[in-house]
């Protein structure tokens, strides 16, 4: 991670030097924006992309990258406007369609997101990770058959993907109560193990009713089953229900 950050810092220095030599080149500002975005300096990245677009208003890559920054900063409406403009300039561009689909998902427009992910897959069938994005959107849009088909397609590339296997089971089950694969539960339990050391069960908290109420308000007393692994399994089912 430190090496990556150092490379981004080196890139920042190079792009800033290039801009100092020739500030009229929009690509320099766009590349600076990308490096700043990777360093999570979103306000500065936004300014760099705006500058690139001021130099070349029909610059689809800068428009899309500005949209991603504004989406990350919570400005979904402007992000959508910028992405639609980038698609006008570069129709059927999978990257812009993916970003627009993510905006639609954030706004609860699951049907539109499903169509956009599908269009992106048609444009770039090699984007294997998109099958999961499409499947999740289709599932939330109520298109369980399409979601199941996408999960099966993803599993043809990655048969050991236990998350997709579990979600496929959820899509094809009338009750949506298929049990999560044990290997998946163990993996999540290992990731969450430190939390179980810090977070006591309600029965483990002593003191007055006021003390217990205060503990509940700060999130320490979420009702848990006897077994932490059962708690993990229940959380999985809540996620896919």
C-alpha atoms as a PDB file:
ATOM      1  CA  UNK A   1       0.000   0.000   0.000  1.00  0.00           C
ATOM      2  CA  UNK A   2       2.797   2.422   0.894  1.00  0.00           C
ATOM      3  CA  UNK A   3       4.469   1.678  -2.445  1.00  0.00           C
ATOM      4  CA  UNK A   4       1.250   2.447  -4.294  1.00  0.00           C
ATOM      5  CA  UNK A   5       0.839   5.736  -2.459  1.00  0.00           C
ATOM      6  CA  UNK A   6       4.420   6.667  -3.282  1.00  0.00           C
ATOM      7  CA  UNK A   7       3.752   5.978  -6.970  1.00  0.00           C
ATOM      8  CA  UNK A   8       0.670   8.199  -6.869  1.00  0.00           C
ATOM      9  CA  UNK A   9       2.725  10.924  -5.237  1.00  0.00           C
ATOM     10  CA  UNK A  10       5.356  10.572  -7.964  1.00  0.00           C
ATOM     11  CA  UNK A  11       2.617  10.808 -10.596  1.00  0.00           C
ATOM     12  CA  UNK A  12       1.211  13.914  -8.931  1.00  0.00           C
ATOM     13  CA  UNK A  13       4.598  15.584  -9.075  1.00  0.00           C
ATOM     14  CA  UNK A  14       5.027  14.698 -12.756  1.00  0.00           C
ATOM     15  CA  UNK A  15       1.587  15.948 -13.769  1.00  0.00           C
ATOM     16  CA  UNK A  16       1.989  19.163 -11.791  1.00  0.00           C
ATOM     17  CA  UNK A  17       5.341  19.726 -13.515  1.00  0.00           C
ATOM     18  CA  UNK A  18       3.776  19.070 -16.933  1.00  0.00           C
ATOM     19  CA  UNK A  19       0.979  21.547 -16.194  1.00  0.00           C
ATOM     20  CA  UNK A  20       3.506  24.155 -15.125  1.00  0.00           C
ATOM     21  CA  UNK A  21       5.246  23.750 -18.483  1.00  0.00           C
ATOM     22  CA  UNK A  22       2.069  23.726 -20.581  1.00  0.00           C
ATOM     23  CA  UNK A  23      -1.152  24.479 -18.699  1.00  0.00           C
ATOM     24  CA  UNK A  24      -3.295  24.427 -21.866  1.00  0.00           C
ATOM     25  CA  UNK A  25      -3.215  20.634 -22.315  1.00  0.00           C
ATOM     26  CA  UNK A  26      -6.474  19.143 -20.965  1.00  0.00           C
ATOM     27  CA  UNK A  27      -4.992  15.624 -20.633  1.00  0.00           C
ATOM     28  CA  UNK A  28      -2.486  16.887 -18.070  1.00  0.00           C
ATOM     29  CA  UNK A  29      -5.271  18.205 -15.851  1.00  0.00           C
ATOM     30  CA  UNK A  30      -7.346  15.037 -16.307  1.00  0.00           C
ATOM     31  CA  UNK A  31      -4.379  12.840 -15.384  1.00  0.00           C
ATOM     32  CA  UNK A  32      -3.705  15.018 -12.364  1.00  0.00           C
ATOM     33  CA  UNK A  33      -7.341  14.594 -11.374  1.00  0.00           C
ATOM     34  CA  UNK A  34      -7.053  10.806 -11.620  1.00  0.00           C
ATOM     35  CA  UNK A  35      -3.954  10.770  -9.424  1.00  0.00           C
ATOM     36  CA  UNK A  36      -5.613  13.045  -6.868  1.00  0.00           C
ATOM     37  CA  UNK A  37      -8.703  10.825  -6.872  1.00  0.00           C
ATOM     38  CA  UNK A  38      -6.563   7.771  -6.124  1.00  0.00           C
ATOM     39  CA  UNK A  39      -5.167   9.664  -3.134  1.00  0.00           C
ATOM     40  CA  UNK A  40      -8.743  10.440  -1.995  1.00  0.00           C
ATOM     41  CA  UNK A  41      -8.167  14.168  -2.487  1.00  0.00           C
ATOM     42  CA  UNK A  42     -11.580  14.532  -4.067  1.00  0.00           C
ATOM     43  CA  UNK A  43     -12.016  18.295  -3.864  1.00  0.00           C
ATOM     44  CA  UNK A  44      -8.717  18.884  -5.680  1.00  0.00           C
ATOM     45  CA  UNK A  45      -9.489  16.096  -8.162  1.00  0.00           C
ATOM     46  CA  UNK A  46     -12.809  17.762  -8.939  1.00  0.00           C
ATOM     47  CA  UNK A  47     -11.040  21.057  -9.650  1.00  0.00           C
ATOM     48  CA  UNK A  48      -8.580  19.317 -11.981  1.00  0.00           C
ATOM     49  CA  UNK A  49     -11.356  17.620 -13.966  1.00  0.00           C
ATOM     50  CA  UNK A  50     -13.309  20.880 -14.190  1.00  0.00           C
ATOM     51  CA  UNK A  51     -10.208  22.557 -15.594  1.00  0.00           C
ATOM     52  CA  UNK A  52      -9.733  19.781 -18.162  1.00  0.00           C
ATOM     53  CA  UNK A  53     -13.362  20.157 -19.279  1.00  0.00           C
ATOM     54  CA  UNK A  54     -13.030  23.945 -19.498  1.00  0.00           C
ATOM     55  CA  UNK A  55     -10.172  23.391 -21.948  1.00  0.00           C
ATOM     56  CA  UNK A  56     -12.061  20.680 -23.866  1.00  0.00           C
ATOM     57  CA  UNK A  57     -15.817  20.607 -23.216  1.00  0.00           C
ATOM     58  CA  UNK A  58     -16.299  17.446 -25.291  1.00  0.00           C
ATOM     59  CA  UNK A  59     -13.802  15.374 -23.264  1.00  0.00           C
ATOM     60  CA  UNK A  60     -15.782  12.219 -22.330  1.00  0.00           C
ATOM     61  CA  UNK A  61     -13.144  10.710 -20.030  1.00  0.00           C
ATOM     62  CA  UNK A  62     -12.883  13.890 -17.971  1.00  0.00           C
ATOM     63  CA  UNK A  63     -16.683  14.166 -17.828  1.00  0.00           C
ATOM     64  CA  UNK A  64     -16.977  10.597 -16.570  1.00  0.00           C
ATOM     65  CA  UNK A  65     -14.229  10.998 -13.984  1.00  0.00           C
ATOM     66  CA  UNK A  66     -15.733  14.241 -12.733  1.00  0.00           C
ATOM     67  CA  UNK A  67     -19.022  12.364 -12.419  1.00  0.00           C
ATOM     68  CA  UNK A  68     -17.422   9.655 -10.275  1.00  0.00           C
ATOM     69  CA  UNK A  69     -15.977  12.277  -7.940  1.00  0.00           C
ATOM     70  CA  UNK A  70     -19.303  14.039  -7.601  1.00  0.00           C
ATOM     71  CA  UNK A  71     -21.077  10.731  -7.023  1.00  0.00           C
ATOM     72  CA  UNK A  72     -18.599   9.922  -4.257  1.00  0.00           C
ATOM     73  CA  UNK A  73     -19.276  13.337  -2.749  1.00  0.00           C
ATOM     74  CA  UNK A  74     -23.028  12.691  -2.817  1.00  0.00           C
ATOM     75  CA  UNK A  75     -24.023  14.834  -5.803  1.00  0.00           C
ATOM     76  CA  UNK A  76     -25.925  12.137  -7.685  1.00  0.00           C
ATOM     77  CA  UNK A  77     -27.947  14.441  -9.929  1.00  0.00           C
ATOM     78  CA  UNK A  78     -24.897  16.195 -11.331  1.00  0.00           C
ATOM     79  CA  UNK A  79     -23.071  12.887 -11.668  1.00  0.00           C
ATOM     80  CA  UNK A  80     -25.957  11.557 -13.756  1.00  0.00           C
ATOM     81  CA  UNK A  81     -25.964  14.654 -15.962  1.00  0.00           C
ATOM     82  CA  UNK A  82     -22.224  14.353 -16.614  1.00  0.00           C
ATOM     83  CA  UNK A  83     -22.416  10.637 -17.355  1.00  0.00           C
ATOM     84  CA  UNK A  84     -25.264  11.089 -19.824  1.00  0.00           C
ATOM     85  CA  UNK A  85     -23.240  13.791 -21.560  1.00  0.00           C
ATOM     86  CA  UNK A  86     -20.201  11.486 -21.750  1.00  0.00           C
ATOM     87  CA  UNK A  87     -22.401   8.801 -23.325  1.00  0.00           C
ATOM     88  CA  UNK A  88     -23.682  11.299 -25.888  1.00  0.00           C
ATOM     89  CA  UNK A  89     -20.080  11.910 -26.891  1.00  0.00           C
ATOM     90  CA  UNK A  90     -19.102   8.241 -26.724  1.00  0.00           C
ATOM     91  CA  UNK A  91     -22.166   6.002 -27.168  1.00  0.00           C
ATOM     92  CA  UNK A  92     -22.203   2.477 -25.732  1.00  0.00           C
ATOM     93  CA  UNK A  93     -19.152   3.199 -23.580  1.00  0.00           C
ATOM     94  CA  UNK A  94     -19.172   0.433 -20.981  1.00  0.00           C
ATOM     95  CA  UNK A  95     -17.298   2.354 -18.266  1.00  0.00           C
ATOM     96  CA  UNK A  96     -19.747   5.265 -18.393  1.00  0.00           C
ATOM     97  CA  UNK A  97     -22.708   2.870 -18.444  1.00  0.00           C
ATOM     98  CA  UNK A  98     -21.360   1.100 -15.353  1.00  0.00           C
ATOM     99  CA  UNK A  99     -20.981   4.375 -13.499  1.00  0.00           C
ATOM    100  CA  UNK A 100     -24.447   5.503 -14.565  1.00  0.00           C
ATOM    101  CA  UNK A 101     -25.837   2.153 -13.375  1.00  0.00           C
ATOM    102  CA  UNK A 102     -24.236   2.719  -9.981  1.00  0.00           C
ATOM    103  CA  UNK A 103     -25.893   6.139  -9.790  1.00  0.00           C
ATOM    104  CA  UNK A 104     -29.230   4.537 -10.672  1.00  0.00           C
ATOM    105  CA  UNK A 105     -28.698   1.924  -7.945  1.00  0.00           C
ATOM    106  CA  UNK A 106     -27.966   4.632  -5.388  1.00  0.00           C
ATOM    107  CA  UNK A 107     -31.262   6.289  -6.352  1.00  0.00           C
ATOM    108  CA  UNK A 108     -33.231   3.032  -6.140  1.00  0.00           C
ATOM    109  CA  UNK A 109     -33.803   2.752  -9.905  1.00  0.00           C
ATOM    110  CA  UNK A 110     -33.032  -0.964 -10.060  1.00  0.00           C
ATOM    111  CA  UNK A 111     -34.695  -1.674 -13.411  1.00  0.00           C
ATOM    112  CA  UNK A 112     -32.665   1.046 -15.127  1.00  0.00           C
ATOM    113  CA  UNK A 113     -29.469  -0.141 -13.433  1.00  0.00           C
ATOM    114  CA  UNK A 114     -30.125  -3.668 -14.686  1.00  0.00           C
ATOM    115  CA  UNK A 115     -30.504  -2.434 -18.279  1.00  0.00           C
ATOM    116  CA  UNK A 116     -27.327  -0.361 -18.035  1.00  0.00           C
ATOM    117  CA  UNK A 117     -25.257  -3.248 -16.663  1.00  0.00           C
ATOM    118  CA  UNK A 118     -26.671  -5.476 -19.419  1.00  0.00           C
ATOM    119  CA  UNK A 119     -25.703  -2.927 -22.069  1.00  0.00           C
ATOM    120  CA  UNK A 120     -22.206  -2.638 -20.592  1.00  0.00           C
ATOM    121  CA  UNK A 121     -21.833  -6.431 -20.738  1.00  0.00           C
ATOM    122  CA  UNK A 122     -22.843  -6.421 -24.381  1.00  0.00           C
ATOM    123  CA  UNK A 123     -20.222  -3.771 -25.088  1.00  0.00           C
ATOM    124  CA  UNK A 124     -17.523  -5.468 -22.998  1.00  0.00           C
ATOM    125  CA  UNK A 125     -18.296  -9.177 -22.515  1.00  0.00           C
ATOM    126  CA  UNK A 126     -14.844  -9.632 -21.017  1.00  0.00           C
ATOM    127  CA  UNK A 127     -15.821  -7.595 -17.940  1.00  0.00           C
ATOM    128  CA  UNK A 128     -16.510 -10.756 -15.932  1.00  0.00           C
ATOM    129  CA  UNK A 129     -17.077  -8.872 -12.650  1.00  0.00           C
ATOM    130  CA  UNK A 130     -20.090  -7.178 -14.266  1.00  0.00           C
ATOM    131  CA  UNK A 131     -22.110 -10.388 -14.078  1.00  0.00           C
ATOM    132  CA  UNK A 132     -22.289 -10.011 -10.307  1.00  0.00           C
ATOM    133  CA  UNK A 133     -23.248  -6.332 -10.567  1.00  0.00           C
ATOM    134  CA  UNK A 134     -25.933  -7.171 -13.121  1.00  0.00           C
ATOM    135  CA  UNK A 135     -27.212 -10.083 -11.032  1.00  0.00           C
ATOM    136  CA  UNK A 136     -27.476  -8.012  -7.867  1.00  0.00           C
ATOM    137  CA  UNK A 137     -29.331  -5.231  -9.698  1.00  0.00           C
ATOM    138  CA  UNK A 138     -31.647  -7.706 -11.428  1.00  0.00           C
ATOM    139  CA  UNK A 139     -32.397  -9.388  -8.113  1.00  0.00           C
ATOM    140  CA  UNK A 140     -33.343  -6.066  -6.535  1.00  0.00           C
ATOM    141  CA  UNK A 141     -35.521  -5.327  -9.573  1.00  0.00           C
ATOM    142  CA  UNK A 142     -37.359  -8.597  -8.969  1.00  0.00           C
ATOM    143  CA  UNK A 143     -35.894 -10.314 -12.037  1.00  0.00           C
ATOM    144  CA  UNK A 144     -34.732 -13.427 -10.233  1.00  0.00           C
ATOM    145  CA  UNK A 145     -34.437 -15.623 -13.326  1.00  0.00           C
ATOM    146  CA  UNK A 146     -32.116 -13.125 -14.999  1.00  0.00           C
ATOM    147  CA  UNK A 147     -30.144 -12.730 -11.781  1.00  0.00           C
ATOM    148  CA  UNK A 148     -29.754 -16.504 -11.451  1.00  0.00           C
ATOM    149  CA  UNK A 149     -28.577 -16.791 -15.063  1.00  0.00           C
ATOM    150  CA  UNK A 150     -25.949 -14.109 -14.440  1.00  0.00           C
ATOM    151  CA  UNK A 151     -24.710 -15.802 -11.268  1.00  0.00           C
ATOM    152  CA  UNK A 152     -24.422 -19.091 -13.186  1.00  0.00           C
ATOM    153  CA  UNK A 153     -22.458 -17.309 -15.906  1.00  0.00           C
ATOM    154  CA  UNK A 154     -20.128 -15.810 -13.287  1.00  0.00           C
ATOM    155  CA  UNK A 155     -19.655 -19.213 -11.657  1.00  0.00           C
ATOM    156  CA  UNK A 156     -18.633 -20.653 -15.028  1.00  0.00           C
ATOM    157  CA  UNK A 157     -15.620 -18.321 -14.815  1.00  0.00           C
ATOM    158  CA  UNK A 158     -15.111 -18.571 -11.052  1.00  0.00           C
ATOM    159  CA  UNK A 159     -16.573 -21.841  -9.726  1.00  0.00           C
ATOM    160  CA  UNK A 160     -15.100 -21.325  -6.234  1.00  0.00           C
ATOM    161  CA  UNK A 161     -16.944 -18.034  -5.680  1.00  0.00           C
ATOM    162  CA  UNK A 162     -18.921 -19.028  -2.581  1.00  0.00           C
ATOM    163  CA  UNK A 163     -20.684 -15.665  -2.333  1.00  0.00           C
ATOM    164  CA  UNK A 164     -22.127 -16.030  -5.827  1.00  0.00           C
ATOM    165  CA  UNK A 165     -23.105 -19.637  -5.084  1.00  0.00           C
ATOM    166  CA  UNK A 166     -24.997 -18.495  -2.015  1.00  0.00           C
ATOM    167  CA  UNK A 167     -26.709 -15.648  -3.851  1.00  0.00           C
ATOM    168  CA  UNK A 168     -27.631 -18.016  -6.674  1.00  0.00           C
ATOM    169  CA  UNK A 169     -29.254 -20.280  -4.085  1.00  0.00           C
ATOM    170  CA  UNK A 170     -31.199 -17.303  -2.773  1.00  0.00           C
ATOM    171  CA  UNK A 171     -32.401 -16.377  -6.275  1.00  0.00           C
ATOM    172  CA  UNK A 172     -33.582 -19.901  -7.054  1.00  0.00           C
ATOM    173  CA  UNK A 173     -35.202 -20.634  -3.681  1.00  0.00           C
ATOM    174  CA  UNK A 174     -38.910 -19.933  -3.208  1.00  0.00           C
ATOM    175  CA  UNK A 175     -38.329 -19.253   0.475  1.00  0.00           C
ATOM    176  CA  UNK A 176     -35.014 -17.377   0.115  1.00  0.00           C
ATOM    177  CA  UNK A 177     -33.839 -19.357   3.137  1.00  0.00           C
ATOM    178  CA  UNK A 178     -31.041 -21.423   1.659  1.00  0.00           C
ATOM    179  CA  UNK A 179     -28.259 -21.955   4.157  1.00  0.00           C
ATOM    180  CA  UNK A 180     -25.038 -20.083   3.514  1.00  0.00           C
ATOM    181  CA  UNK A 181     -22.086 -22.296   2.559  1.00  0.00           C
ATOM    182  CA  UNK A 182     -20.084 -23.184   5.661  1.00  0.00           C
ATOM    183  CA  UNK A 183     -16.810 -22.053   4.077  1.00  0.00           C
ATOM    184  CA  UNK A 184     -18.353 -18.617   3.477  1.00  0.00           C
ATOM    185  CA  UNK A 185     -19.609 -18.411   7.053  1.00  0.00           C
ATOM    186  CA  UNK A 186     -16.174 -19.353   8.380  1.00  0.00           C
ATOM    187  CA  UNK A 187     -14.495 -16.759   6.187  1.00  0.00           C
ATOM    188  CA  UNK A 188     -16.825 -13.994   7.387  1.00  0.00           C
ATOM    189  CA  UNK A 189     -16.547 -15.160  10.973  1.00  0.00           C
ATOM    190  CA  UNK A 190     -12.748 -14.908  10.782  1.00  0.00           C
ATOM    191  CA  UNK A 191     -13.084 -11.364   9.419  1.00  0.00           C
ATOM    192  CA  UNK A 192     -15.542 -10.378  12.161  1.00  0.00           C
ATOM    193  CA  UNK A 193     -13.863 -12.268  15.012  1.00  0.00           C
ATOM    194  CA  UNK A 194     -12.320  -9.115  16.585  1.00  0.00           C
ATOM    195  CA  UNK A 195     -15.780  -7.558  16.878  1.00  0.00           C
ATOM    196  CA  UNK A 196     -16.990 -10.454  19.015  1.00  0.00           C
ATOM    197  CA  UNK A 197     -14.190  -9.770  21.470  1.00  0.00           C
ATOM    198  CA  UNK A 198     -15.273  -6.135  21.768  1.00  0.00           C
ATOM    199  CA  UNK A 199     -19.063  -6.444  21.557  1.00  0.00           C
ATOM    200  CA  UNK A 200     -20.740  -8.224  24.498  1.00  0.00           C
ATOM    201  CA  UNK A 201     -24.112  -9.893  24.249  1.00  0.00           C
ATOM    202  CA  UNK A 202     -26.949  -8.174  26.140  1.00  0.00           C
ATOM    203  CA  UNK A 203     -26.817 -10.799  28.864  1.00  0.00           C
ATOM    204  CA  UNK A 204     -23.141 -10.024  29.441  1.00  0.00           C
ATOM    205  CA  UNK A 205     -23.809  -6.365  30.283  1.00  0.00           C
ATOM    206  CA  UNK A 206     -24.395  -5.752  33.950  1.00  0.00           C
ATOM    207  CA  UNK A 207     -25.573  -2.669  35.760  1.00  0.00           C
ATOM    208  CA  UNK A 208     -28.783  -0.739  36.089  1.00  0.00           C
ATOM    209  CA  UNK A 209     -31.501  -0.661  33.386  1.00  0.00           C
ATOM    210  CA  UNK A 210     -30.227   2.806  32.501  1.00  0.00           C
ATOM    211  CA  UNK A 211     -26.732   1.398  31.934  1.00  0.00           C
ATOM    212  CA  UNK A 212     -28.106  -1.322  29.678  1.00  0.00           C
ATOM    213  CA  UNK A 213     -30.222   1.210  27.771  1.00  0.00           C
ATOM    214  CA  UNK A 214     -27.172   3.438  27.222  1.00  0.00           C
ATOM    215  CA  UNK A 215     -25.181   0.450  25.990  1.00  0.00           C
ATOM    216  CA  UNK A 216     -27.958  -0.397  23.550  1.00  0.00           C
ATOM    217  CA  UNK A 217     -28.016   3.163  22.209  1.00  0.00           C
ATOM    218  CA  UNK A 218     -24.336   3.028  21.308  1.00  0.00           C
ATOM    219  CA  UNK A 219     -24.792  -0.262  19.499  1.00  0.00           C
ATOM    220  CA  UNK A 220     -23.245  -2.648  22.026  1.00  0.00           C
ATOM    221  CA  UNK A 221     -26.274  -4.816  22.644  1.00  0.00           C
ATOM    222  CA  UNK A 222     -27.443  -5.967  19.239  1.00  0.00           C
ATOM    223  CA  UNK A 223     -29.341  -9.179  19.879  1.00  0.00           C
ATOM    224  CA  UNK A 224     -27.143 -12.106  18.973  1.00  0.00           C
ATOM    225  CA  UNK A 225     -27.790 -15.846  18.904  1.00  0.00           C
ATOM    226  CA  UNK A 226     -25.833 -18.029  21.278  1.00  0.00           C
ATOM    227  CA  UNK A 227     -23.206 -18.790  18.637  1.00  0.00           C
ATOM    228  CA  UNK A 228     -21.311 -15.931  16.951  1.00  0.00           C
ATOM    229  CA  UNK A 229     -21.193 -18.090  13.821  1.00  0.00           C
ATOM    230  CA  UNK A 230     -24.981 -18.275  13.846  1.00  0.00           C
ATOM    231  CA  UNK A 231     -25.031 -14.488  14.135  1.00  0.00           C
ATOM    232  CA  UNK A 232     -22.840 -14.262  11.022  1.00  0.00           C
ATOM    233  CA  UNK A 233     -25.159 -16.622   9.155  1.00  0.00           C
ATOM    234  CA  UNK A 234     -28.201 -14.563  10.141  1.00  0.00           C
ATOM    235  CA  UNK A 235     -26.509 -11.362   8.995  1.00  0.00           C
ATOM    236  CA  UNK A 236     -25.848 -12.992   5.598  1.00  0.00           C
ATOM    237  CA  UNK A 237     -29.505 -13.860   5.208  1.00  0.00           C
ATOM    238  CA  UNK A 238     -30.558 -10.304   6.081  1.00  0.00           C
ATOM    239  CA  UNK A 239     -28.222  -9.022   3.366  1.00  0.00           C
ATOM    240  CA  UNK A 240     -29.733 -11.113   0.579  1.00  0.00           C
ATOM    241  CA  UNK A 241     -33.384 -11.163   1.701  1.00  0.00           C
END
